[in-house]
Protein backbone atom coordinates (compact mmCIF):
# COMPACT_ATOMS: atom_id res chain seq x y z
CA UNK A 1 -4.13 -5.97 -26.76
CA UNK A 2 -1.37 -3.42 -26.21
CA UNK A 3 -3.89 -0.90 -24.89
CA UNK A 4 -5.31 -3.47 -22.45
CA UNK A 5 -1.82 -4.22 -21.13
CA UNK A 6 -1.12 -0.52 -20.78
CA UNK A 7 -4.32 0.02 -18.78
CA UNK A 8 -3.58 -3.01 -16.60
CA UNK A 9 -0.07 -1.78 -15.90
CA UNK A 10 -1.37 1.62 -14.82
CA UNK A 11 -4.20 0.16 -12.73
CA UNK A 12 -2.14 -2.51 -10.99
CA UNK A 13 1.23 -0.94 -10.59
CA UNK A 14 0.99 2.78 -11.02
CA UNK A 15 4.24 4.36 -12.11
CA UNK A 16 6.23 1.14 -11.76
CA UNK A 17 3.74 -0.76 -13.89
CA UNK A 18 3.80 1.97 -16.52
CA UNK A 19 7.60 1.94 -16.53
CA UNK A 20 7.59 -1.82 -16.96
CA UNK A 21 5.19 -1.52 -19.86
CA UNK A 22 7.28 1.12 -21.58
CA UNK A 23 10.54 -0.76 -21.04
CA UNK A 24 9.32 -4.24 -21.92
CA UNK A 25 6.54 -3.28 -24.37
CA UNK A 26 3.89 -5.67 -23.16
CA UNK A 27 5.75 -8.71 -21.87
CA UNK A 28 3.18 -10.05 -19.40
CA UNK A 29 5.61 -11.61 -16.92
CA UNK A 30 7.51 -8.37 -16.45
CA UNK A 31 4.23 -6.47 -16.26
CA UNK A 32 3.02 -8.61 -13.37
CA UNK A 33 6.37 -8.43 -11.57
CA UNK A 34 6.51 -4.66 -11.81
CA UNK A 35 2.84 -4.30 -10.90
CA UNK A 36 3.51 -6.18 -7.66
CA UNK A 37 6.70 -4.18 -7.08
CA UNK A 38 4.69 -1.00 -7.57
CA UNK A 39 2.44 -2.00 -4.68
CA UNK A 40 5.26 -2.93 -2.29
CA UNK A 41 5.65 0.53 -0.72
CA UNK A 42 1.94 0.57 0.11
CA UNK A 43 2.05 -2.99 1.48
CA UNK A 44 5.17 -2.40 3.58
CA UNK A 45 4.23 1.02 4.97
CA UNK A 46 1.96 -0.33 7.75
CA UNK A 47 4.71 -2.75 8.79
CA UNK A 48 7.57 -0.24 8.68
CA UNK A 49 5.66 2.74 10.08
CA UNK A 50 5.54 1.70 13.76
CA UNK A 51 9.20 0.68 13.68
CA UNK A 52 10.19 4.09 12.34
CA UNK A 53 7.79 5.98 14.61
CA UNK A 54 5.82 7.41 11.71
CA UNK A 55 2.36 6.24 12.75
CA UNK A 56 2.89 6.45 16.51
CA UNK A 57 0.56 9.11 17.91
CA UNK A 58 1.85 11.37 20.67
CA UNK A 59 -1.51 11.28 22.47
CA UNK A 60 -4.05 8.49 22.91
CA UNK A 61 -6.71 8.35 20.23
CA UNK A 62 -9.87 9.71 21.83
CA UNK A 63 -11.94 9.58 18.65
CA UNK A 64 -12.67 5.87 18.98
CA UNK A 65 -15.86 4.91 20.77
CA UNK A 66 -15.22 2.77 23.83
CA UNK A 67 -16.59 -0.74 23.87
CA UNK A 68 -19.13 -1.09 26.71
CA UNK A 69 -17.43 -4.23 28.06
CA UNK A 70 -13.99 -2.66 28.43
CA UNK A 71 -12.72 0.23 30.48
CA UNK A 72 -10.90 3.04 28.68
CA UNK A 73 -7.12 2.66 28.54
CA UNK A 74 -6.64 5.57 30.94
CA UNK A 75 -8.66 3.74 33.63
CA UNK A 76 -6.66 0.51 33.52
């Protein structure tokens, strides 16, 4: 049972889940809380990136194929 909780903490929360497991020694509620907290940076990055200018490209993305029904952005 302890091994299963350890594997779950690593799989669901990464370092935060592992830390929760080591600190709380298998208390499931804390494991779930820290597993979710371990995912928060990955969940918030797409929301915070544009505000901080991290994911804003300096040039238009020309790698995307244009949809036949729409003109390219440069032509609008």
